[in-house]
Amino acid sequence: MYFPSLLTPALALFSTTAQAQLANYGGFTPKNPTDAMTIGAIHNVLALFNYALDSKNFDALRDVYTDDIVARVAREPTNDIESLIKFYNGTALGDVVTQHTAHTIFVYDLGPQSAKSISYANALYFSKIGEGQFFARDVDTFYERYDDVWARQRDGGWKIRERSINIYAQVGNSSLVPPTQPTYNTSKV
């Protein structure tokens, strides 16, 4: 026996609302295997970004960003990879243990030479109190959103050409991030 759910109208409304929201971003749905491979490659570059920050290997950012990157991540935008690497070298990232994660990645406006993405991230800063022992008071967490414009490279790979980081919240022990930490820009691309 079938009993209609009270949720059925809500799910139908959600589906319609979600479709309308996707239309604002080009309504992109992968249409062929090449699209899926491109989306996978973009996901992989976002993972490399997180790894570069957490391993303090800021030179690896050259594999994430184009040479002429326009990055709105500090008080003043950077307009090249050297300035961006200098920015990251000057942050508190080198002084504390960090864990960056990207999730909820949406790639849209995918074309042969460019794409856009929105991804959410958490950046955790841990104090160094011993052999891997951390307590809640020893963590500072940033909740962020990355708005990226991607460019296909000559070798077929993808790099970020434009980036804005928007910090929605900072929760925890803010003393873990020294006052010399540059202020992130909260404007959108």
N, C-alpha and C. Protein backbone atom coordinates (compact mmCIF):
# COMPACT_ATOMS: atom_id res chain seq x y z
N MET A 1 0.84 -1.16 0.00
CA MET A 1 0.00 0.00 0.00
C MET A 1 0.89 1.24 0.00
N TYR A 2 0.54 2.24 -0.79
CA TYR A 2 1.31 3.47 -0.94
C TYR A 2 0.70 4.57 -0.09
N PHE A 3 1.52 5.19 0.74
CA PHE A 3 1.10 6.34 1.53
C PHE A 3 1.89 7.55 1.08
N PRO A 4 1.26 8.54 0.48
CA PRO A 4 2.00 9.73 0.04
C PRO A 4 2.60 10.44 1.25
N SER A 5 3.77 10.89 1.08
CA SER A 5 4.50 11.57 2.15
C SER A 5 4.13 13.05 2.17
N LEU A 6 4.11 13.59 3.36
CA LEU A 6 3.91 15.03 3.49
C LEU A 6 5.11 15.80 2.93
N LEU A 7 6.23 15.11 2.77
CA LEU A 7 7.43 15.76 2.26
C LEU A 7 7.43 15.88 0.73
N THR A 8 6.56 15.15 0.05
CA THR A 8 6.58 15.15 -1.41
C THR A 8 6.47 16.56 -1.99
N PRO A 9 5.51 17.41 -1.55
CA PRO A 9 5.46 18.77 -2.11
C PRO A 9 6.73 19.58 -1.78
N ALA A 10 7.28 19.39 -0.58
CA ALA A 10 8.50 20.12 -0.20
C ALA A 10 9.67 19.69 -1.08
N LEU A 11 9.79 18.39 -1.35
CA LEU A 11 10.87 17.91 -2.20
C LEU A 11 10.72 18.44 -3.63
N ALA A 12 9.50 18.50 -4.11
CA ALA A 12 9.27 19.04 -5.45
C ALA A 12 9.65 20.51 -5.50
N LEU A 13 9.28 21.27 -4.47
CA LEU A 13 9.64 22.69 -4.40
C LEU A 13 11.15 22.85 -4.32
N PHE A 14 11.81 22.02 -3.49
CA PHE A 14 13.27 22.09 -3.36
C PHE A 14 13.92 21.83 -4.71
N SER A 15 13.43 20.82 -5.42
CA SER A 15 14.00 20.48 -6.72
C SER A 15 13.87 21.66 -7.68
N THR A 16 12.70 22.30 -7.71
CA THR A 16 12.49 23.45 -8.57
C THR A 16 13.39 24.61 -8.15
N THR A 17 13.50 24.85 -6.85
CA THR A 17 14.35 25.92 -6.34
C THR A 17 15.81 25.65 -6.68
N ALA A 18 16.25 24.42 -6.50
CA ALA A 18 17.64 24.07 -6.81
C ALA A 18 17.92 24.28 -8.30
N GLN A 19 16.98 23.90 -9.14
CA GLN A 19 17.17 24.08 -10.58
C GLN A 19 17.27 25.57 -10.93
N ALA A 20 16.44 26.39 -10.28
CA ALA A 20 16.48 27.83 -10.54
C ALA A 20 17.82 28.42 -10.09
N GLN A 21 18.32 27.95 -8.94
CA GLN A 21 19.61 28.44 -8.46
C GLN A 21 20.73 28.03 -9.40
N LEU A 22 20.69 26.81 -9.90
CA LEU A 22 21.71 26.35 -10.83
C LEU A 22 21.70 27.18 -12.11
N ALA A 23 20.53 27.64 -12.52
CA ALA A 23 20.44 28.46 -13.72
C ALA A 23 21.26 29.74 -13.57
N ASN A 24 21.38 30.24 -12.33
CA ASN A 24 22.19 31.43 -12.09
C ASN A 24 23.66 31.17 -12.36
N TYR A 25 24.08 29.93 -12.34
CA TYR A 25 25.48 29.57 -12.57
C TYR A 25 25.64 28.84 -13.90
N GLY A 26 24.80 29.12 -14.84
CA GLY A 26 24.91 28.49 -16.14
C GLY A 26 24.22 27.14 -16.21
N GLY A 27 23.66 26.66 -15.09
CA GLY A 27 22.94 25.40 -15.08
C GLY A 27 23.78 24.25 -15.58
N PHE A 28 25.07 24.27 -15.32
CA PHE A 28 25.98 23.28 -15.90
C PHE A 28 25.79 21.90 -15.30
N THR A 29 25.60 20.95 -16.16
CA THR A 29 25.62 19.53 -15.80
C THR A 29 26.60 18.87 -16.77
N PRO A 30 27.54 18.04 -16.27
CA PRO A 30 28.47 17.39 -17.20
C PRO A 30 27.72 16.66 -18.30
N LYS A 31 28.14 16.89 -19.55
CA LYS A 31 27.44 16.31 -20.68
C LYS A 31 28.24 15.22 -21.37
N ASN A 32 29.53 15.15 -21.06
CA ASN A 32 30.34 14.13 -21.70
C ASN A 32 31.52 13.78 -20.81
N PRO A 33 32.24 12.72 -21.12
CA PRO A 33 33.37 12.30 -20.27
C PRO A 33 34.46 13.35 -20.14
N THR A 34 34.65 14.20 -21.16
CA THR A 34 35.67 15.24 -21.08
C THR A 34 35.32 16.23 -19.98
N ASP A 35 34.05 16.59 -19.85
CA ASP A 35 33.62 17.48 -18.78
C ASP A 35 33.94 16.87 -17.42
N ALA A 36 33.62 15.61 -17.25
CA ALA A 36 33.87 14.94 -15.97
C ALA A 36 35.37 14.89 -15.66
N MET A 37 36.19 14.65 -16.68
CA MET A 37 37.65 14.63 -16.45
C MET A 37 38.16 16.02 -16.08
N THR A 38 37.62 17.05 -16.71
CA THR A 38 38.01 18.42 -16.39
C THR A 38 37.63 18.76 -14.95
N ILE A 39 36.43 18.41 -14.56
CA ILE A 39 35.98 18.67 -13.19
C ILE A 39 36.87 17.92 -12.21
N GLY A 40 37.22 16.69 -12.51
CA GLY A 40 38.13 15.93 -11.66
C GLY A 40 39.50 16.59 -11.57
N ALA A 41 40.01 17.10 -12.68
CA ALA A 41 41.31 17.78 -12.68
C ALA A 41 41.26 19.04 -11.81
N ILE A 42 40.17 19.78 -11.89
CA ILE A 42 40.01 20.99 -11.07
C ILE A 42 39.95 20.62 -9.60
N HIS A 43 39.24 19.58 -9.26
CA HIS A 43 39.19 19.11 -7.87
C HIS A 43 40.60 18.77 -7.38
N ASN A 44 41.39 18.15 -8.23
CA ASN A 44 42.74 17.75 -7.86
C ASN A 44 43.64 18.97 -7.60
N VAL A 45 43.49 20.01 -8.41
CA VAL A 45 44.28 21.22 -8.20
C VAL A 45 43.87 21.89 -6.88
N LEU A 46 42.59 21.87 -6.55
CA LEU A 46 42.16 22.43 -5.27
C LEU A 46 42.76 21.64 -4.11
N ALA A 47 42.88 20.33 -4.26
CA ALA A 47 43.51 19.51 -3.22
C ALA A 47 44.99 19.86 -3.11
N LEU A 48 45.66 20.10 -4.23
CA LEU A 48 47.07 20.48 -4.20
C LEU A 48 47.25 21.81 -3.46
N PHE A 49 46.33 22.75 -3.65
CA PHE A 49 46.39 24.02 -2.93
C PHE A 49 46.41 23.77 -1.42
N ASN A 50 45.50 22.93 -0.94
CA ASN A 50 45.44 22.63 0.49
C ASN A 50 46.73 21.97 0.96
N TYR A 51 47.22 21.02 0.19
CA TYR A 51 48.45 20.33 0.55
C TYR A 51 49.64 21.30 0.60
N ALA A 52 49.73 22.20 -0.37
CA ALA A 52 50.83 23.17 -0.40
C ALA A 52 50.83 24.03 0.86
N LEU A 53 49.65 24.48 1.28
CA LEU A 53 49.58 25.31 2.49
C LEU A 53 49.96 24.50 3.73
N ASP A 54 49.42 23.30 3.86
CA ASP A 54 49.65 22.52 5.08
C ASP A 54 51.07 21.99 5.17
N SER A 55 51.70 21.73 4.03
CA SER A 55 53.09 21.24 4.05
C SER A 55 54.09 22.38 4.04
N LYS A 56 53.57 23.62 3.96
CA LYS A 56 54.41 24.84 3.92
C LYS A 56 55.29 24.86 2.67
N ASN A 57 54.86 24.17 1.63
CA ASN A 57 55.57 24.15 0.35
C ASN A 57 54.90 25.17 -0.57
N PHE A 58 55.13 26.44 -0.29
CA PHE A 58 54.44 27.50 -1.02
C PHE A 58 54.87 27.58 -2.48
N ASP A 59 56.05 27.05 -2.82
CA ASP A 59 56.47 27.02 -4.22
C ASP A 59 55.55 26.11 -5.05
N ALA A 60 54.90 25.14 -4.40
CA ALA A 60 53.96 24.27 -5.12
C ALA A 60 52.74 25.05 -5.62
N LEU A 61 52.54 26.26 -5.10
CA LEU A 61 51.43 27.09 -5.58
C LEU A 61 51.60 27.46 -7.04
N ARG A 62 52.82 27.31 -7.58
CA ARG A 62 53.05 27.57 -9.01
C ARG A 62 52.28 26.56 -9.87
N ASP A 63 51.95 25.41 -9.29
CA ASP A 63 51.15 24.41 -10.01
C ASP A 63 49.65 24.60 -9.79
N VAL A 64 49.30 25.58 -8.97
CA VAL A 64 47.90 25.87 -8.67
C VAL A 64 47.43 27.12 -9.41
N TYR A 65 48.29 28.14 -9.46
CA TYR A 65 47.93 29.46 -10.00
C TYR A 65 48.71 29.77 -11.28
N THR A 66 48.10 30.56 -12.15
CA THR A 66 48.81 31.07 -13.33
C THR A 66 49.84 32.11 -12.88
N ASP A 67 50.80 32.39 -13.75
CA ASP A 67 51.84 33.38 -13.42
C ASP A 67 51.24 34.76 -13.19
N ASP A 68 50.13 35.07 -13.87
CA ASP A 68 49.51 36.39 -13.74
C ASP A 68 48.25 36.35 -12.87
N ILE A 69 48.26 35.51 -11.84
CA ILE A 69 47.11 35.36 -10.95
C ILE A 69 46.67 36.70 -10.36
N VAL A 70 45.37 36.93 -10.38
CA VAL A 70 44.78 38.06 -9.67
C VAL A 70 44.09 37.45 -8.47
N ALA A 71 44.69 37.65 -7.30
CA ALA A 71 44.17 37.02 -6.09
C ALA A 71 43.73 38.08 -5.10
N ARG A 72 42.50 38.00 -4.70
CA ARG A 72 41.95 38.90 -3.68
C ARG A 72 41.90 38.13 -2.37
N VAL A 73 43.08 37.97 -1.76
CA VAL A 73 43.17 37.20 -0.52
C VAL A 73 43.76 38.03 0.62
N ALA A 74 44.25 39.22 0.33
CA ALA A 74 44.87 40.07 1.34
C ALA A 74 44.29 41.47 1.23
N ARG A 75 44.83 42.38 2.02
CA ARG A 75 44.34 43.77 1.96
C ARG A 75 44.42 44.33 0.56
N GLU A 76 45.50 44.03 -0.12
CA GLU A 76 45.70 44.48 -1.50
C GLU A 76 45.75 43.24 -2.40
N PRO A 77 45.04 43.26 -3.52
CA PRO A 77 45.10 42.12 -4.43
C PRO A 77 46.52 41.91 -4.95
N THR A 78 46.87 40.66 -5.20
CA THR A 78 48.14 40.36 -5.85
C THR A 78 47.88 40.15 -7.32
N ASN A 79 48.87 40.47 -8.14
CA ASN A 79 48.70 40.38 -9.59
C ASN A 79 49.71 39.45 -10.25
N ASP A 80 50.41 38.66 -9.45
CA ASP A 80 51.34 37.69 -10.04
C ASP A 80 51.66 36.63 -8.99
N ILE A 81 52.19 35.52 -9.46
CA ILE A 81 52.45 34.38 -8.59
C ILE A 81 53.52 34.70 -7.55
N GLU A 82 54.53 35.48 -7.91
CA GLU A 82 55.60 35.80 -6.95
C GLU A 82 55.04 36.57 -5.76
N SER A 83 54.17 37.54 -6.01
CA SER A 83 53.55 38.31 -4.91
C SER A 83 52.68 37.42 -4.03
N LEU A 84 51.99 36.47 -4.66
CA LEU A 84 51.12 35.58 -3.89
C LEU A 84 51.95 34.65 -3.00
N ILE A 85 53.03 34.11 -3.53
CA ILE A 85 53.90 33.25 -2.72
C ILE A 85 54.52 34.06 -1.58
N LYS A 86 54.90 35.28 -1.86
CA LYS A 86 55.44 36.17 -0.82
C LYS A 86 54.39 36.41 0.26
N PHE A 87 53.14 36.60 -0.14
CA PHE A 87 52.05 36.78 0.82
C PHE A 87 51.95 35.57 1.73
N TYR A 88 51.88 34.37 1.15
CA TYR A 88 51.75 33.16 1.98
C TYR A 88 52.96 32.94 2.86
N ASN A 89 54.15 33.25 2.37
CA ASN A 89 55.35 33.13 3.21
C ASN A 89 55.30 34.08 4.40
N GLY A 90 54.60 35.21 4.26
CA GLY A 90 54.51 36.19 5.32
C GLY A 90 53.36 35.98 6.29
N THR A 91 52.54 34.96 6.07
CA THR A 91 51.41 34.71 6.96
C THR A 91 51.83 33.83 8.12
N ALA A 92 50.90 33.58 8.98
CA ALA A 92 51.14 32.72 10.15
C ALA A 92 51.17 31.25 9.78
N LEU A 93 50.92 30.92 8.52
CA LEU A 93 50.84 29.51 8.14
C LEU A 93 52.12 28.74 8.45
N GLY A 94 53.27 29.42 8.38
CA GLY A 94 54.53 28.74 8.63
C GLY A 94 54.81 28.49 10.10
N ASP A 95 54.07 29.14 10.99
CA ASP A 95 54.34 29.08 12.42
C ASP A 95 53.48 28.09 13.19
N VAL A 96 52.41 27.60 12.58
CA VAL A 96 51.50 26.70 13.28
C VAL A 96 51.19 25.50 12.39
N VAL A 97 50.68 24.44 13.01
CA VAL A 97 50.20 23.29 12.25
C VAL A 97 48.84 23.67 11.68
N THR A 98 48.63 23.40 10.41
CA THR A 98 47.36 23.74 9.78
C THR A 98 46.77 22.53 9.09
N GLN A 99 45.47 22.59 8.89
CA GLN A 99 44.78 21.59 8.09
C GLN A 99 43.72 22.31 7.27
N HIS A 100 43.91 22.34 5.96
CA HIS A 100 42.97 22.97 5.05
C HIS A 100 42.20 21.88 4.32
N THR A 101 40.90 22.05 4.22
CA THR A 101 40.07 21.11 3.47
C THR A 101 39.13 21.90 2.57
N ALA A 102 38.99 21.45 1.35
CA ALA A 102 38.00 22.02 0.42
C ALA A 102 36.88 21.02 0.26
N HIS A 103 35.67 21.52 0.23
CA HIS A 103 34.51 20.65 0.06
C HIS A 103 33.41 21.42 -0.64
N THR A 104 32.37 20.75 -1.00
CA THR A 104 31.23 21.35 -1.70
C THR A 104 31.74 22.18 -2.87
N ILE A 105 32.40 21.52 -3.80
CA ILE A 105 33.00 22.17 -4.96
C ILE A 105 32.01 22.11 -6.12
N PHE A 106 31.71 23.26 -6.70
CA PHE A 106 30.80 23.35 -7.82
C PHE A 106 31.53 24.01 -8.98
N VAL A 107 31.70 23.29 -10.08
CA VAL A 107 32.35 23.80 -11.28
C VAL A 107 31.26 24.14 -12.28
N TYR A 108 31.34 25.34 -12.86
CA TYR A 108 30.31 25.78 -13.81
C TYR A 108 30.94 26.65 -14.89
N ASP A 109 30.16 27.08 -15.85
CA ASP A 109 30.64 27.85 -17.00
C ASP A 109 31.87 27.19 -17.62
N LEU A 110 31.81 25.89 -17.76
CA LEU A 110 32.93 25.13 -18.30
C LEU A 110 32.98 25.29 -19.81
N GLY A 111 34.11 25.81 -20.28
CA GLY A 111 34.33 25.97 -21.71
C GLY A 111 35.63 25.31 -22.09
N PRO A 112 36.01 25.41 -23.36
CA PRO A 112 37.23 24.75 -23.80
C PRO A 112 38.50 25.31 -23.15
N GLN A 113 38.50 26.61 -22.81
CA GLN A 113 39.71 27.23 -22.26
C GLN A 113 39.53 27.82 -20.88
N SER A 114 38.29 27.82 -20.35
CA SER A 114 38.06 28.44 -19.05
C SER A 114 36.92 27.76 -18.31
N ALA A 115 36.88 28.01 -17.02
CA ALA A 115 35.81 27.48 -16.17
C ALA A 115 35.76 28.36 -14.93
N LYS A 116 34.71 28.19 -14.16
CA LYS A 116 34.57 28.87 -12.87
C LYS A 116 34.23 27.82 -11.83
N SER A 117 34.57 28.13 -10.59
CA SER A 117 34.17 27.23 -9.51
C SER A 117 33.92 28.01 -8.24
N ILE A 118 33.09 27.42 -7.41
CA ILE A 118 32.84 27.89 -6.06
C ILE A 118 33.14 26.70 -5.16
N SER A 119 33.93 26.92 -4.12
CA SER A 119 34.18 25.84 -3.18
C SER A 119 34.22 26.41 -1.77
N TYR A 120 33.80 25.60 -0.85
CA TYR A 120 33.84 25.98 0.55
C TYR A 120 35.01 25.26 1.20
N ALA A 121 35.57 25.88 2.22
CA ALA A 121 36.76 25.31 2.85
C ALA A 121 36.76 25.62 4.34
N ASN A 122 37.46 24.78 5.05
CA ASN A 122 37.74 25.01 6.47
C ASN A 122 39.25 25.06 6.60
N ALA A 123 39.73 26.06 7.32
CA ALA A 123 41.17 26.17 7.60
C ALA A 123 41.33 26.12 9.10
N LEU A 124 41.99 25.08 9.59
CA LEU A 124 42.19 24.91 11.03
C LEU A 124 43.64 25.21 11.37
N TYR A 125 43.82 26.00 12.42
CA TYR A 125 45.15 26.32 12.95
C TYR A 125 45.24 25.66 14.31
N PHE A 126 46.29 24.85 14.53
CA PHE A 126 46.50 24.15 15.78
C PHE A 126 47.74 24.68 16.46
N SER A 127 47.69 24.80 17.79
CA SER A 127 48.91 25.17 18.50
C SER A 127 49.79 23.94 18.61
N LYS A 128 51.07 24.16 18.77
CA LYS A 128 52.03 23.05 18.91
C LYS A 128 52.24 22.80 20.39
N ILE A 129 51.44 21.88 20.97
CA ILE A 129 51.55 21.66 22.41
C ILE A 129 52.16 20.31 22.75
N GLY A 130 52.62 19.58 21.79
CA GLY A 130 53.20 18.28 22.09
C GLY A 130 53.05 17.33 20.94
N GLU A 131 53.15 16.09 21.23
CA GLU A 131 53.11 15.05 20.22
C GLU A 131 51.68 14.80 19.73
N GLY A 132 51.16 15.70 18.93
CA GLY A 132 49.86 15.49 18.34
C GLY A 132 48.69 15.61 19.30
N GLN A 133 48.91 16.20 20.47
CA GLN A 133 47.82 16.35 21.44
C GLN A 133 47.22 17.75 21.27
N PHE A 134 45.96 17.80 20.86
CA PHE A 134 45.30 19.07 20.66
C PHE A 134 44.00 19.09 21.45
N PHE A 135 43.67 20.23 21.97
CA PHE A 135 42.43 20.43 22.70
C PHE A 135 41.66 21.55 22.03
N ALA A 136 40.37 21.66 22.30
CA ALA A 136 39.52 22.66 21.66
C ALA A 136 40.10 24.07 21.82
N ARG A 137 40.68 24.36 22.97
CA ARG A 137 41.23 25.70 23.19
C ARG A 137 42.46 25.97 22.33
N ASP A 138 42.98 24.93 21.70
CA ASP A 138 44.20 25.04 20.91
C ASP A 138 43.93 25.06 19.41
N VAL A 139 42.69 25.35 19.01
CA VAL A 139 42.32 25.33 17.60
C VAL A 139 41.62 26.63 17.24
N ASP A 140 41.95 27.17 16.07
CA ASP A 140 41.25 28.31 15.50
C ASP A 140 40.79 27.89 14.11
N THR A 141 39.52 28.06 13.80
CA THR A 141 38.95 27.58 12.54
C THR A 141 38.38 28.74 11.74
N PHE A 142 38.76 28.78 10.46
CA PHE A 142 38.20 29.74 9.52
C PHE A 142 37.24 28.98 8.60
N TYR A 143 36.06 29.54 8.37
CA TYR A 143 35.09 28.99 7.43
C TYR A 143 35.11 29.90 6.22
N GLU A 144 35.50 29.35 5.06
CA GLU A 144 35.80 30.17 3.90
C GLU A 144 35.05 29.71 2.66
N ARG A 145 35.00 30.62 1.68
CA ARG A 145 34.48 30.30 0.35
C ARG A 145 35.49 30.82 -0.66
N TYR A 146 35.83 29.97 -1.64
CA TYR A 146 36.72 30.37 -2.72
C TYR A 146 35.89 30.54 -3.99
N ASP A 147 36.04 31.69 -4.64
CA ASP A 147 35.44 31.93 -5.95
C ASP A 147 36.60 31.98 -6.94
N ASP A 148 36.65 31.02 -7.86
CA ASP A 148 37.80 30.89 -8.76
C ASP A 148 37.39 30.97 -10.22
N VAL A 149 38.29 31.56 -11.02
CA VAL A 149 38.20 31.52 -12.48
C VAL A 149 39.42 30.73 -12.94
N TRP A 150 39.18 29.72 -13.76
CA TRP A 150 40.21 28.78 -14.18
C TRP A 150 40.61 29.02 -15.62
N ALA A 151 41.88 28.70 -15.94
CA ALA A 151 42.38 28.79 -17.31
C ALA A 151 43.05 27.46 -17.66
N ARG A 152 42.70 26.94 -18.84
CA ARG A 152 43.36 25.73 -19.33
C ARG A 152 44.77 26.10 -19.77
N GLN A 153 45.72 25.25 -19.44
CA GLN A 153 47.12 25.48 -19.77
C GLN A 153 47.49 24.77 -21.07
N ARG A 154 48.62 25.13 -21.62
CA ARG A 154 49.07 24.53 -22.89
C ARG A 154 49.20 23.02 -22.79
N ASP A 155 49.56 22.53 -21.59
CA ASP A 155 49.73 21.08 -21.41
C ASP A 155 48.39 20.38 -21.17
N GLY A 156 47.27 21.14 -21.20
CA GLY A 156 45.94 20.56 -21.01
C GLY A 156 45.46 20.61 -19.57
N GLY A 157 46.37 20.94 -18.64
CA GLY A 157 45.99 21.05 -17.23
C GLY A 157 45.25 22.35 -16.96
N TRP A 158 44.85 22.53 -15.72
CA TRP A 158 44.09 23.71 -15.31
C TRP A 158 44.79 24.42 -14.16
N LYS A 159 44.74 25.76 -14.18
CA LYS A 159 45.25 26.58 -13.08
C LYS A 159 44.26 27.70 -12.80
N ILE A 160 44.33 28.22 -11.58
CA ILE A 160 43.46 29.32 -11.18
C ILE A 160 44.06 30.63 -11.70
N ARG A 161 43.24 31.40 -12.42
CA ARG A 161 43.65 32.70 -12.97
C ARG A 161 43.19 33.85 -12.07
N GLU A 162 42.04 33.67 -11.41
CA GLU A 162 41.51 34.68 -10.49
C GLU A 162 40.95 33.97 -9.27
N ARG A 163 41.19 34.55 -8.08
CA ARG A 163 40.66 33.95 -6.86
C ARG A 163 40.26 35.03 -5.86
N SER A 164 39.11 34.83 -5.24
CA SER A 164 38.70 35.61 -4.08
C SER A 164 38.42 34.64 -2.95
N ILE A 165 38.92 34.97 -1.77
CA ILE A 165 38.62 34.18 -0.58
C ILE A 165 37.72 35.02 0.30
N ASN A 166 36.60 34.48 0.66
CA ASN A 166 35.64 35.14 1.52
C ASN A 166 35.56 34.37 2.82
N ILE A 167 35.87 35.02 3.92
CA ILE A 167 35.81 34.36 5.22
C ILE A 167 34.45 34.69 5.84
N TYR A 168 33.70 33.62 6.13
CA TYR A 168 32.38 33.79 6.73
C TYR A 168 32.45 33.85 8.24
N ALA A 169 33.37 33.11 8.82
CA ALA A 169 33.45 33.09 10.28
C ALA A 169 34.84 32.63 10.70
N GLN A 170 35.22 33.07 11.88
CA GLN A 170 36.43 32.59 12.54
C GLN A 170 36.01 32.20 13.94
N VAL A 171 36.23 30.93 14.29
CA VAL A 171 35.76 30.40 15.56
C VAL A 171 36.93 29.72 16.27
N GLY A 172 37.12 30.04 17.53
CA GLY A 172 38.14 29.36 18.30
C GLY A 172 39.11 30.32 18.94
N ASN A 173 40.30 29.83 19.14
CA ASN A 173 41.35 30.58 19.83
C ASN A 173 42.08 31.45 18.82
N SER A 174 41.64 32.70 18.67
CA SER A 174 42.22 33.59 17.66
C SER A 174 43.65 33.99 18.00
N SER A 175 44.12 33.69 19.20
CA SER A 175 45.51 34.02 19.53
C SER A 175 46.50 33.13 18.79
N LEU A 176 46.01 32.04 18.19
CA LEU A 176 46.89 31.15 17.42
C LEU A 176 47.34 31.80 16.12
N VAL A 177 46.57 32.76 15.63
CA VAL A 177 46.92 33.46 14.40
C VAL A 177 47.50 34.80 14.83
N PRO A 178 48.82 34.98 14.69
CA PRO A 178 49.46 36.21 15.16
C PRO A 178 48.86 37.46 14.52
N PRO A 179 48.98 38.61 15.22
CA PRO A 179 48.41 39.84 14.68
C PRO A 179 49.05 40.26 13.36
N THR A 180 50.19 39.68 13.01
CA THR A 180 50.83 40.00 11.74
C THR A 180 50.15 39.31 10.56
N GLN A 181 49.21 38.40 10.86
CA GLN A 181 48.48 37.71 9.79
C GLN A 181 47.73 38.75 8.97
N PRO A 182 47.98 38.83 7.66
CA PRO A 182 47.25 39.80 6.84
C PRO A 182 45.75 39.53 6.87
N THR A 183 44.98 40.57 6.79
CA THR A 183 43.53 40.45 6.79
C THR A 183 43.07 39.99 5.42
N TYR A 184 42.22 38.98 5.39
CA TYR A 184 41.67 38.52 4.13
C TYR A 184 40.63 39.49 3.63
N ASN A 185 40.53 39.56 2.33
CA ASN A 185 39.52 40.38 1.68
C ASN A 185 38.21 39.61 1.70
N THR A 186 37.12 40.28 1.92
CA THR A 186 35.83 39.61 1.96
C THR A 186 34.95 39.98 0.77
N SER A 187 35.53 40.55 -0.29
CA SER A 187 34.74 40.88 -1.46
C SER A 187 34.64 39.69 -2.39
N LYS A 188 33.63 39.69 -3.23
CA LYS A 188 33.44 38.59 -4.18
C LYS A 188 34.05 38.95 -5.53
N VAL A 189 34.32 37.90 -6.33
CA VAL A 189 34.85 38.10 -7.67
C VAL A 189 33.77 38.76 -8.51
